């Protein structure tokens, strides 16, 4: 099975957030991992904020094209995770802590998973 390549330039050029500045009305709820209904965490939040998740190919494209990665803007360390579920290739992720609570516009480039929330799964 051939896995088609993704045109990250086209994908990141699309305005995917359904409500501009939505974090202003909910106090950054989607960027916080401290909700009582989310006591199990696959990826820890680590205090105020969340863990930002980039797909590996997205991360590489952003780095190659001069984008600032959330977590790296202050010298944070980007972790690498790999999950093999028996498919054609493992799911490769990059993660970093983020305490911006939705106010990351003009600071770093939001990953696809942040830009499409709540339409893609939450990894918390």
Foldseek 3Di string as FASTA:
>chain_A
DDDDDDPLVVVLVDQQAPDPPPCVVVVLVVFAQPDPVRPDAPDDQPPAGRKAKAFPVNVVVCVVVPFAAAQPLVPGDKDWDWACPPDPGTGIMIIHHHNCSSVCVVRGRHHPVVSNPPVDPDRD
